[in-house]
N, C-alpha and C. Protein backbone atom coordinates (compact mmCIF):
# COMPACT_ATOMS: atom_id res chain seq x y z
N MET A 1 38.79 -36.09 36.27
CA MET A 1 40.13 -36.42 36.64
C MET A 1 40.54 -37.75 36.02
N SER A 2 39.64 -38.69 35.98
CA SER A 2 40.01 -40.02 35.47
C SER A 2 40.30 -39.98 33.97
N THR A 3 39.70 -39.04 33.25
CA THR A 3 39.96 -39.00 31.81
C THR A 3 41.32 -38.41 31.48
N THR A 4 41.84 -37.53 32.32
CA THR A 4 43.16 -36.94 32.07
C THR A 4 44.29 -37.70 32.77
N GLN A 5 43.92 -38.65 33.60
CA GLN A 5 44.93 -39.40 34.35
C GLN A 5 45.88 -40.17 33.43
N ILE A 6 45.40 -40.64 32.30
CA ILE A 6 46.26 -41.40 31.39
C ILE A 6 47.35 -40.52 30.78
N TYR A 7 47.12 -39.20 30.72
CA TYR A 7 48.11 -38.29 30.16
C TYR A 7 49.14 -37.84 31.21
N ALA A 8 48.81 -37.99 32.48
CA ALA A 8 49.69 -37.54 33.55
C ALA A 8 50.77 -38.56 33.90
N GLN A 9 50.65 -39.78 33.43
CA GLN A 9 51.63 -40.81 33.73
C GLN A 9 52.51 -41.04 32.51
N PRO A 10 53.84 -40.87 32.67
CA PRO A 10 54.72 -41.03 31.52
C PRO A 10 54.82 -42.49 31.09
N ARG A 11 55.02 -42.67 29.79
CA ARG A 11 55.25 -44.02 29.29
C ARG A 11 56.69 -44.41 29.62
N LEU A 12 56.94 -45.69 29.76
CA LEU A 12 58.27 -46.18 30.09
C LEU A 12 59.29 -45.74 29.04
N GLU A 13 58.91 -45.76 27.78
CA GLU A 13 59.82 -45.35 26.70
C GLU A 13 60.23 -43.89 26.85
N ASP A 14 59.28 -43.03 27.25
CA ASP A 14 59.58 -41.61 27.44
C ASP A 14 60.52 -41.41 28.62
N LEU A 15 60.29 -42.15 29.68
CA LEU A 15 61.13 -42.04 30.86
C LEU A 15 62.56 -42.48 30.56
N VAL A 16 62.72 -43.60 29.89
CA VAL A 16 64.05 -44.10 29.54
C VAL A 16 64.73 -43.12 28.60
N SER A 17 64.02 -42.57 27.67
CA SER A 17 64.57 -41.60 26.73
C SER A 17 65.12 -40.38 27.46
N LYS A 18 64.36 -39.86 28.41
CA LYS A 18 64.79 -38.67 29.16
C LYS A 18 66.01 -38.97 30.03
N VAL A 19 66.05 -40.14 30.65
CA VAL A 19 67.20 -40.51 31.48
C VAL A 19 68.45 -40.63 30.61
N LEU A 20 68.34 -41.27 29.46
CA LEU A 20 69.48 -41.39 28.56
C LEU A 20 69.93 -40.03 28.05
N GLU A 21 68.99 -39.16 27.76
CA GLU A 21 69.30 -37.81 27.31
C GLU A 21 70.05 -37.04 28.40
N HIS A 22 69.62 -37.22 29.64
CA HIS A 22 70.27 -36.53 30.76
C HIS A 22 71.73 -36.97 30.90
N TYR A 23 71.98 -38.26 30.87
CA TYR A 23 73.33 -38.76 31.05
C TYR A 23 74.22 -38.57 29.82
N ALA A 24 73.64 -38.23 28.69
CA ALA A 24 74.43 -37.98 27.48
C ALA A 24 74.98 -36.55 27.47
N ARG A 25 74.44 -35.68 28.33
CA ARG A 25 74.92 -34.29 28.39
C ARG A 25 76.34 -34.24 28.94
N PRO A 26 77.12 -33.27 28.48
CA PRO A 26 78.46 -33.11 29.06
C PRO A 26 78.36 -32.67 30.52
N ARG A 27 79.31 -33.10 31.31
CA ARG A 27 79.31 -32.73 32.73
C ARG A 27 79.58 -31.24 32.87
N ALA A 28 78.96 -30.65 33.86
CA ALA A 28 79.15 -29.23 34.14
C ALA A 28 80.54 -29.01 34.72
N VAL A 29 81.14 -27.93 34.31
CA VAL A 29 82.45 -27.56 34.84
C VAL A 29 82.25 -26.92 36.20
N GLY A 30 83.13 -27.22 37.13
CA GLY A 30 83.04 -26.65 38.47
C GLY A 30 83.25 -25.15 38.46
N PRO A 31 83.08 -24.53 39.61
CA PRO A 31 83.22 -23.08 39.68
C PRO A 31 84.64 -22.63 39.34
N VAL A 32 84.72 -21.51 38.64
CA VAL A 32 86.01 -20.95 38.27
C VAL A 32 86.19 -19.65 39.05
N ILE A 33 87.32 -19.53 39.72
CA ILE A 33 87.59 -18.33 40.50
C ILE A 33 88.45 -17.40 39.66
N GLU A 34 87.98 -16.18 39.50
CA GLU A 34 88.70 -15.18 38.71
C GLU A 34 90.07 -14.92 39.31
N PRO A 35 91.09 -14.71 38.47
CA PRO A 35 92.44 -14.49 38.97
C PRO A 35 92.58 -13.25 39.87
N ALA A 36 91.68 -12.28 39.73
CA ALA A 36 91.78 -11.06 40.53
C ALA A 36 91.43 -11.30 42.00
N TYR A 37 90.74 -12.41 42.30
CA TYR A 37 90.35 -12.71 43.67
C TYR A 37 91.36 -13.63 44.33
N ASP A 38 91.44 -13.55 45.65
CA ASP A 38 92.30 -14.43 46.42
C ASP A 38 91.64 -15.81 46.45
N ASP A 39 92.29 -16.78 45.82
CA ASP A 39 91.74 -18.13 45.66
C ASP A 39 91.37 -18.75 47.01
N ALA A 40 92.27 -18.67 47.97
CA ALA A 40 92.04 -19.29 49.29
C ALA A 40 90.85 -18.64 50.00
N ALA A 41 90.74 -17.32 49.91
CA ALA A 41 89.65 -16.61 50.59
C ALA A 41 88.30 -16.97 49.97
N VAL A 42 88.21 -17.04 48.66
CA VAL A 42 86.95 -17.38 47.98
C VAL A 42 86.56 -18.82 48.31
N ARG A 43 87.50 -19.74 48.29
CA ARG A 43 87.20 -21.13 48.62
C ARG A 43 86.69 -21.26 50.05
N GLU A 44 87.30 -20.54 50.96
CA GLU A 44 86.85 -20.59 52.37
C GLU A 44 85.46 -19.99 52.49
N LEU A 45 85.22 -18.87 51.83
CA LEU A 45 83.92 -18.21 51.88
C LEU A 45 82.80 -19.10 51.35
N LEU A 46 83.06 -19.80 50.25
CA LEU A 46 82.04 -20.63 49.62
C LEU A 46 82.03 -22.07 50.12
N GLY A 47 82.99 -22.42 50.97
CA GLY A 47 83.04 -23.78 51.48
C GLY A 47 83.50 -24.79 50.47
N LEU A 48 84.34 -24.36 49.52
CA LEU A 48 84.86 -25.25 48.48
C LEU A 48 86.11 -25.95 48.98
N PRO A 49 86.41 -27.14 48.46
CA PRO A 49 87.64 -27.82 48.87
C PRO A 49 88.88 -27.04 48.42
N ALA A 50 89.92 -27.18 49.18
CA ALA A 50 91.16 -26.43 48.89
C ALA A 50 91.85 -26.93 47.65
């Protein structure tokens, strides 16, 4: 276990790189309700804001 322990801990450079990569991604678009459905009913069913 002690010999593989050095590989299980990320280097600070790798961690910073992954965090920057995460925040560089475009934000996800919220849910889109198809026009065929009743907007108010779907929002109530899913607990989405009006």
